[in-house]
Amino acid sequence: MEFSSTATYANRYDLDEIDVFLEGDSNNPMFFSINGLPSQLSFGKHYFNLSILDSTNQEYELRPNSKILFEFKSINNVVLRSDVVKLNQKNGVATCFVEVLKDPLRTFKEVEDGEGTLTIVGSLQDKRNTKTPITEKFIGAMNYRCIFPIDVRKNLLNADSPIVTNITHKRTTIKGQFSFVKASIPTKKYANAGITYDTNGGPSHTDGTSETATGDSPD
């Protein structure tokens, strides 16, 4: 699958207005999952994960190599900047972001507070046991849509606007970070780097030997 957004501002797709074969429900999206998106969007950039759900129990399935398009809109129909973060997670999850700008570009209208939309579309195909085949008009087209509600509150204090801290999978802690788990081993004071862990989950010395929880205590 290829994830994509509409927010380079080169195009406005109005995905919420196109004709589709099947309309989804945000309470039962069938094919797409959204995780990590804040319940209220303030000024700034907000990250979230977009993934594909298992369609084994669905009457249809996503077509191989189908593009997955998404588009954010405010209550006054302003397209919000959004895109896919160039992270190769290798797990079928796309890390994406939406950004609420004071100057939304390509329009003279300001983003208004209120309930907006996140629209996601993809291309479905029939299964062998499909009882209601996709009509010829929609075969190979963007024929499925699901609209999720969003809430824009531009000046919200202490809004949740996280950042991406890792761009690759590592077994190393972030310098200066510590864990709240039981018997955790924090990074030593004045360390130049975080602790590296071996394949068994134990902390390793720089020479590759493992250290137990009863080993050197942090300074």
C-alpha atoms as a PDB file:
ATOM      1  CA  MET A   1       0.000   0.000   0.000  1.00  0.00           C
ATOM      2  CA  GLU A   2       1.130   3.546  -0.660  1.00  0.00           C
ATOM      3  CA  PHE A   3       0.166   6.184   1.888  1.00  0.00           C
ATOM      4  CA  SER A   4      -0.227   9.735   0.697  1.00  0.00           C
ATOM      5  CA  SER A   5      -1.815  13.032   1.668  1.00  0.00           C
ATOM      6  CA  THR A   6      -3.091  16.073  -0.192  1.00  0.00           C
ATOM      7  CA  ALA A   7      -1.274  18.771   1.708  1.00  0.00           C
ATOM      8  CA  THR A   8       1.575  19.912  -0.474  1.00  0.00           C
ATOM      9  CA  TYR A   9      -0.971  22.591  -1.404  1.00  0.00           C
ATOM     10  CA  ALA A  10      -0.462  21.716  -5.077  1.00  0.00           C
ATOM     11  CA  ASN A  11      -3.852  19.979  -5.140  1.00  0.00           C
ATOM     12  CA  ARG A  12      -7.139  20.064  -3.287  1.00  0.00           C
ATOM     13  CA  TYR A  13      -8.943  16.780  -3.728  1.00  0.00           C
ATOM     14  CA  ASP A  14     -12.119  17.321  -1.672  1.00  0.00           C
ATOM     15  CA  LEU A  15     -12.126  13.645  -0.781  1.00  0.00           C
ATOM     16  CA  ASP A  16     -15.247  14.146   1.324  1.00  0.00           C
ATOM     17  CA  GLU A  17     -17.201  15.008  -1.839  1.00  0.00           C
ATOM     18  CA  ILE A  18     -16.179  12.306  -4.325  1.00  0.00           C
ATOM     19  CA  ASP A  19     -18.574   9.544  -5.369  1.00  0.00           C
ATOM     20  CA  VAL A  20     -17.697   6.182  -3.769  1.00  0.00           C
ATOM     21  CA  PHE A  21     -19.079   2.647  -3.813  1.00  0.00           C
ATOM     22  CA  LEU A  22     -18.869   2.091  -0.059  1.00  0.00           C
ATOM     23  CA  GLU A  23     -19.004   4.627   2.778  1.00  0.00           C
ATOM     24  CA  GLY A  24     -17.397   3.636   6.074  1.00  0.00           C
ATOM     25  CA  ASP A  25     -18.192   4.613   9.644  1.00  0.00           C
ATOM     26  CA  SER A  26     -15.591   6.150  11.964  1.00  0.00           C
ATOM     27  CA  ASN A  27     -16.899   3.888  14.758  1.00  0.00           C
ATOM     28  CA  ASN A  28     -16.330   0.858  12.513  1.00  0.00           C
ATOM     29  CA  PRO A  29     -13.839   1.934   9.835  1.00  0.00           C
ATOM     30  CA  MET A  30     -13.390  -1.642   8.484  1.00  0.00           C
ATOM     31  CA  PHE A  31     -10.123  -0.993   6.626  1.00  0.00           C
ATOM     32  CA  PHE A  32      -8.256   1.888   8.322  1.00  0.00           C
ATOM     33  CA  SER A  33      -7.094   2.583  11.875  1.00  0.00           C
ATOM     34  CA  ILE A  34      -6.111   5.982  13.307  1.00  0.00           C
ATOM     35  CA  ASN A  35      -4.093   6.079  16.533  1.00  0.00           C
ATOM     36  CA  GLY A  36      -2.414   8.841  18.499  1.00  0.00           C
ATOM     37  CA  LEU A  37      -4.296  11.783  17.014  1.00  0.00           C
ATOM     38  CA  PRO A  38      -5.079  14.287  19.813  1.00  0.00           C
ATOM     39  CA  SER A  39      -8.740  14.798  20.627  1.00  0.00           C
ATOM     40  CA  GLN A  40      -8.272  18.542  20.091  1.00  0.00           C
ATOM     41  CA  LEU A  41      -5.948  20.148  17.553  1.00  0.00           C
ATOM     42  CA  SER A  42      -4.281  23.435  18.463  1.00  0.00           C
ATOM     43  CA  PHE A  43      -1.873  25.575  16.458  1.00  0.00           C
ATOM     44  CA  GLY A  44       1.147  23.457  15.600  1.00  0.00           C
ATOM     45  CA  LYS A  45       2.017  20.017  14.283  1.00  0.00           C
ATOM     46  CA  HIS A  46       0.372  16.837  15.583  1.00  0.00           C
ATOM     47  CA  TYR A  47       1.573  13.309  14.800  1.00  0.00           C
ATOM     48  CA  PHE A  48      -0.541  10.172  14.461  1.00  0.00           C
ATOM     49  CA  ASN A  49      -0.366   6.639  13.046  1.00  0.00           C
ATOM     50  CA  LEU A  50      -2.381   5.372  10.093  1.00  0.00           C
ATOM     51  CA  SER A  51      -2.536   1.615   9.572  1.00  0.00           C
ATOM     52  CA  ILE A  52      -4.482  -0.996   7.613  1.00  0.00           C
ATOM     53  CA  LEU A  53      -6.922  -3.255   9.436  1.00  0.00           C
ATOM     54  CA  ASP A  54      -7.310  -6.981   8.810  1.00  0.00           C
ATOM     55  CA  SER A  55     -10.144  -7.382   6.305  1.00  0.00           C
ATOM     56  CA  THR A  56     -10.553 -11.164   6.677  1.00  0.00           C
ATOM     57  CA  ASN A  57     -14.125 -10.769   7.955  1.00  0.00           C
ATOM     58  CA  GLN A  58     -15.042  -8.018   5.496  1.00  0.00           C
ATOM     59  CA  GLU A  59     -16.904  -8.583   2.240  1.00  0.00           C
ATOM     60  CA  TYR A  60     -14.242  -6.633   0.324  1.00  0.00           C
ATOM     61  CA  GLU A  61     -10.480  -6.107   0.591  1.00  0.00           C
ATOM     62  CA  LEU A  62      -8.090  -3.322  -0.320  1.00  0.00           C
ATOM     63  CA  ARG A  63      -6.780  -3.699  -3.840  1.00  0.00           C
ATOM     64  CA  PRO A  64      -3.048  -4.551  -4.046  1.00  0.00           C
ATOM     65  CA  ASN A  65      -0.954  -1.386  -4.494  1.00  0.00           C
ATOM     66  CA  SER A  66      -3.958   0.788  -3.735  1.00  0.00           C
ATOM     67  CA  LYS A  67      -3.089   4.331  -2.751  1.00  0.00           C
ATOM     68  CA  ILE A  68      -4.394   5.475   0.621  1.00  0.00           C
ATOM     69  CA  LEU A  69      -5.232   9.179   0.473  1.00  0.00           C
ATOM     70  CA  PHE A  70      -6.193  11.384   3.405  1.00  0.00           C
ATOM     71  CA  GLU A  71      -7.249  14.994   3.796  1.00  0.00           C
ATOM     72  CA  PHE A  72      -8.004  17.207   6.811  1.00  0.00           C
ATOM     73  CA  LYS A  73     -10.548  20.015   6.704  1.00  0.00           C
ATOM     74  CA  SER A  74     -11.659  22.576   9.272  1.00  0.00           C
ATOM     75  CA  ILE A  75     -15.304  23.380   9.939  1.00  0.00           C
ATOM     76  CA  ASN A  76     -15.110  26.268   7.429  1.00  0.00           C
ATOM     77  CA  ASN A  77     -13.733  24.011   4.667  1.00  0.00           C
ATOM     78  CA  VAL A  78     -10.057  25.022   4.900  1.00  0.00           C
ATOM     79  CA  VAL A  79      -7.665  22.181   4.023  1.00  0.00           C
ATOM     80  CA  LEU A  80      -5.126  21.657   6.822  1.00  0.00           C
ATOM     81  CA  ARG A  81      -1.526  20.862   6.002  1.00  0.00           C
ATOM     82  CA  SER A  82      -0.786  17.146   6.416  1.00  0.00           C
ATOM     83  CA  ASP A  83       1.674  14.601   5.131  1.00  0.00           C
ATOM     84  CA  VAL A  84       3.334  11.231   5.694  1.00  0.00           C
ATOM     85  CA  VAL A  85       6.568  11.284   7.720  1.00  0.00           C
ATOM     86  CA  LYS A  86       9.378   9.601   5.822  1.00  0.00           C
ATOM     87  CA  LEU A  87       9.975   6.837   8.379  1.00  0.00           C
ATOM     88  CA  ASN A  88      10.425   3.233   7.253  1.00  0.00           C
ATOM     89  CA  GLN A  89       8.770   1.372  10.114  1.00  0.00           C
ATOM     90  CA  LYS A  90       8.565  -1.922   8.171  1.00  0.00           C
ATOM     91  CA  ASN A  91       5.391  -2.860  10.029  1.00  0.00           C
ATOM     92  CA  GLY A  92       2.537  -1.581   7.884  1.00  0.00           C
ATOM     93  CA  VAL A  93       2.096   1.593   9.944  1.00  0.00           C
ATOM     94  CA  ALA A  94       2.501   5.057   8.435  1.00  0.00           C
ATOM     95  CA  THR A  95       3.495   7.891  10.762  1.00  0.00           C
ATOM     96  CA  CYS A  96       1.722  11.023   9.604  1.00  0.00           C
ATOM     97  CA  PHE A  97       1.099  14.559  10.799  1.00  0.00           C
ATOM     98  CA  VAL A  98      -1.437  17.343  10.533  1.00  0.00           C
ATOM     99  CA  GLU A  99      -0.509  20.966  11.118  1.00  0.00           C
ATOM    100  CA  VAL A 100      -2.804  23.832  12.063  1.00  0.00           C
ATOM    101  CA  LEU A 101      -1.260  27.007  10.641  1.00  0.00           C
ATOM    102  CA  LYS A 102      -2.082  30.639  11.383  1.00  0.00           C
ATOM    103  CA  ASP A 103      -1.649  31.256   7.666  1.00  0.00           C
ATOM    104  CA  PRO A 104      -3.108  28.173   5.933  1.00  0.00           C
ATOM    105  CA  LEU A 105      -1.795  29.282   2.496  1.00  0.00           C
ATOM    106  CA  ARG A 106      -3.683  28.963  -0.792  1.00  0.00           C
ATOM    107  CA  THR A 107      -6.667  30.646   0.855  1.00  0.00           C
ATOM    108  CA  PHE A 108      -7.567  33.965   2.438  1.00  0.00           C
ATOM    109  CA  LYS A 109      -9.748  32.253   5.048  1.00  0.00           C
ATOM    110  CA  GLU A 110      -8.468  31.494   8.542  1.00  0.00           C
ATOM    111  CA  VAL A 111      -8.942  28.089  10.134  1.00  0.00           C
ATOM    112  CA  GLU A 112     -11.999  28.256  12.399  1.00  0.00           C
ATOM    113  CA  ASP A 113     -12.464  26.373  15.659  1.00  0.00           C
ATOM    114  CA  GLY A 114     -14.994  23.571  15.629  1.00  0.00           C
ATOM    115  CA  GLU A 115     -15.614  20.074  14.315  1.00  0.00           C
ATOM    116  CA  GLY A 116     -13.686  19.347  11.136  1.00  0.00           C
ATOM    117  CA  THR A 117     -13.030  16.131   9.246  1.00  0.00           C
ATOM    118  CA  LEU A 118     -10.286  13.643   8.446  1.00  0.00           C
ATOM    119  CA  THR A 119     -11.255  11.853   5.237  1.00  0.00           C
ATOM    120  CA  ILE A 120      -9.460   8.658   4.160  1.00  0.00           C
ATOM    121  CA  VAL A 121     -10.074   6.903   0.848  1.00  0.00           C
ATOM    122  CA  GLY A 122      -8.767   3.744  -0.791  1.00  0.00           C
ATOM    123  CA  SER A 123      -9.536   1.294  -3.579  1.00  0.00           C
ATOM    124  CA  LEU A 124     -11.359  -1.963  -2.790  1.00  0.00           C
ATOM    125  CA  GLN A 125     -11.750  -5.145  -4.766  1.00  0.00           C
ATOM    126  CA  ASP A 126     -14.153  -8.074  -4.523  1.00  0.00           C
ATOM    127  CA  LYS A 127     -13.375 -11.317  -2.722  1.00  0.00           C
ATOM    128  CA  ARG A 128     -14.388 -14.738  -4.004  1.00  0.00           C
ATOM    129  CA  ASN A 129     -17.377 -14.829  -1.666  1.00  0.00           C
ATOM    130  CA  THR A 130     -18.526 -11.246  -2.289  1.00  0.00           C
ATOM    131  CA  LYS A 131     -22.318 -11.159  -2.418  1.00  0.00           C
ATOM    132  CA  THR A 132     -22.602  -7.635  -3.816  1.00  0.00           C
ATOM    133  CA  PRO A 133     -19.839  -7.127  -6.399  1.00  0.00           C
ATOM    134  CA  ILE A 134     -18.353  -3.689  -6.920  1.00  0.00           C
ATOM    135  CA  THR A 135     -20.073  -2.084  -9.887  1.00  0.00           C
ATOM    136  CA  GLU A 136     -18.101  -1.448 -13.063  1.00  0.00           C
ATOM    137  CA  LYS A 137     -18.100   2.310 -12.489  1.00  0.00           C
ATOM    138  CA  PHE A 138     -16.011   1.934  -9.321  1.00  0.00           C
ATOM    139  CA  ILE A 139     -13.646  -0.911 -10.292  1.00  0.00           C
ATOM    140  CA  GLY A 140     -10.059   0.304  -9.934  1.00  0.00           C
ATOM    141  CA  ALA A 141     -11.189   3.690  -8.612  1.00  0.00           C
ATOM    142  CA  MET A 142     -11.040   5.277  -5.164  1.00  0.00           C
ATOM    143  CA  ASN A 143     -14.236   3.529  -4.159  1.00  0.00           C
ATOM    144  CA  TYR A 144     -14.128   3.434  -0.341  1.00  0.00           C
ATOM    145  CA  ARG A 145     -14.229   6.353   2.086  1.00  0.00           C
ATOM    146  CA  CYS A 146     -14.270   6.791   5.845  1.00  0.00           C
ATOM    147  CA  ILE A 147     -14.649  10.190   7.515  1.00  0.00           C
ATOM    148  CA  PHE A 148     -13.356  10.729  11.062  1.00  0.00           C
ATOM    149  CA  PRO A 149     -14.388  13.795  13.101  1.00  0.00           C
ATOM    150  CA  ILE A 150     -11.667  16.132  14.391  1.00  0.00           C
ATOM    151  CA  ASP A 151     -11.918  19.047  16.823  1.00  0.00           C
ATOM    152  CA  VAL A 152      -9.885  22.197  16.124  1.00  0.00           C
ATOM    153  CA  ARG A 153      -9.144  24.432  19.140  1.00  0.00           C
ATOM    154  CA  LYS A 154      -6.396  26.725  17.867  1.00  0.00           C
ATOM    155  CA  ASN A 155      -5.445  28.488  21.104  1.00  0.00           C
ATOM    156  CA  LEU A 156      -5.728  25.516  23.445  1.00  0.00           C
ATOM    157  CA  LEU A 157      -3.152  25.764  26.249  1.00  0.00           C
ATOM    158  CA  ASN A 158      -0.845  22.796  26.888  1.00  0.00           C
ATOM    159  CA  ALA A 159      -2.045  21.088  23.747  1.00  0.00           C
ATOM    160  CA  ASP A 160      -0.653  17.684  22.878  1.00  0.00           C
ATOM    161  CA  SER A 161       1.760  18.256  19.992  1.00  0.00           C
ATOM    162  CA  PRO A 162       4.458  15.542  20.225  1.00  0.00           C
ATOM    163  CA  ILE A 163       7.605  15.214  18.143  1.00  0.00           C
ATOM    164  CA  VAL A 164       9.261  12.235  16.501  1.00  0.00           C
ATOM    165  CA  THR A 165      12.371  11.271  18.512  1.00  0.00           C
ATOM    166  CA  ASN A 166      13.534   8.170  16.598  1.00  0.00           C
ATOM    167  CA  ILE A 167      13.750   7.578  12.860  1.00  0.00           C
ATOM    168  CA  THR A 168      15.061   3.991  13.073  1.00  0.00           C
ATOM    169  CA  HIS A 169      14.474   0.982  15.332  1.00  0.00           C
ATOM    170  CA  LYS A 170      17.183   0.877  18.028  1.00  0.00           C
ATOM    171  CA  ARG A 171      18.009  -1.009  21.219  1.00  0.00           C
ATOM    172  CA  THR A 172      19.575   2.098  22.761  1.00  0.00           C
ATOM    173  CA  THR A 173      17.992   4.474  25.268  1.00  0.00           C
ATOM    174  CA  ILE A 174      17.813   8.197  24.546  1.00  0.00           C
ATOM    175  CA  LYS A 175      20.483  10.097  26.464  1.00  0.00           C
ATOM    176  CA  GLY A 176      19.039  11.740  29.558  1.00  0.00           C
ATOM    177  CA  GLN A 177      15.907   9.580  29.564  1.00  0.00           C
ATOM    178  CA  PHE A 178      14.938   7.118  32.273  1.00  0.00           C
ATOM    179  CA  SER A 179      12.260   4.487  32.824  1.00  0.00           C
ATOM    180  CA  PHE A 180       9.576   4.062  35.461  1.00  0.00           C
ATOM    181  CA  VAL A 181       9.524   0.263  35.133  1.00  0.00           C
ATOM    182  CA  LYS A 182      10.548  -1.887  38.105  1.00  0.00           C
ATOM    183  CA  ALA A 183      14.321  -2.503  38.484  1.00  0.00           C
ATOM    184  CA  SER A 184      15.143  -0.290  35.500  1.00  0.00           C
ATOM    185  CA  ILE A 185      18.751   0.711  34.890  1.00  0.00           C
ATOM    186  CA  PRO A 186      19.068   4.416  34.062  1.00  0.00           C
ATOM    187  CA  THR A 187      21.779   5.965  31.935  1.00  0.00           C
ATOM    188  CA  LYS A 188      24.792   6.856  34.071  1.00  0.00           C
ATOM    189  CA  LYS A 189      25.466  10.457  34.990  1.00  0.00           C
ATOM    190  CA  TYR A 190      27.565  12.341  32.423  1.00  0.00           C
ATOM    191  CA  ALA A 191      27.300   9.439  29.967  1.00  0.00           C
ATOM    192  CA  ASN A 192      28.036  10.307  26.351  1.00  0.00           C
ATOM    193  CA  ALA A 193      25.291   8.011  25.067  1.00  0.00           C
ATOM    194  CA  GLY A 194      22.334   5.949  26.250  1.00  0.00           C
ATOM    195  CA  ILE A 195      22.568   2.332  27.360  1.00  0.00           C
ATOM    196  CA  THR A 196      22.675  -0.323  24.626  1.00  0.00           C
ATOM    197  CA  TYR A 197      20.749  -3.549  25.241  1.00  0.00           C
ATOM    198  CA  ASP A 198      21.613  -7.062  24.066  1.00  0.00           C
ATOM    199  CA  THR A 199      19.229  -9.473  22.347  1.00  0.00           C
ATOM    200  CA  ASN A 200      18.044 -10.804  25.727  1.00  0.00           C
ATOM    201  CA  GLY A 201      17.007  -7.360  26.909  1.00  0.00           C
ATOM    202  CA  GLY A 202      19.947  -6.876  29.274  1.00  0.00           C
ATOM    203  CA  PRO A 203      22.182  -3.781  29.257  1.00  0.00           C
ATOM    204  CA  SER A 204      25.569  -4.234  27.554  1.00  0.00           C
ATOM    205  CA  HIS A 205      28.997  -2.683  28.120  1.00  0.00           C
ATOM    206  CA  THR A 206      30.677  -0.998  25.205  1.00  0.00           C
ATOM    207  CA  ASP A 207      32.912  -4.071  24.852  1.00  0.00           C
ATOM    208  CA  GLY A 208      29.830  -6.244  24.191  1.00  0.00           C
ATOM    209  CA  THR A 209      29.681  -8.018  27.578  1.00  0.00           C
ATOM    210  CA  SER A 210      26.399  -8.002  29.478  1.00  0.00           C
ATOM    211  CA  GLU A 211      25.802  -6.381  32.833  1.00  0.00           C
ATOM    212  CA  THR A 212      23.225  -7.613  35.378  1.00  0.00           C
ATOM    213  CA  ALA A 213      20.945  -5.562  37.586  1.00  0.00           C
ATOM    214  CA  THR A 214      23.368  -6.127  40.475  1.00  0.00           C
ATOM    215  CA  GLY A 215      26.335  -4.742  38.548  1.00  0.00           C
ATOM    216  CA  ASP A 216      27.692  -1.214  38.553  1.00  0.00           C
ATOM    217  CA  SER A 217      25.281   1.241  40.075  1.00  0.00           C
ATOM    218  CA  PRO A 218      24.762   4.605  38.389  1.00  0.00           C
ATOM    219  CA  ASP A 219      26.752   7.529  39.695  1.00  0.00           C
END
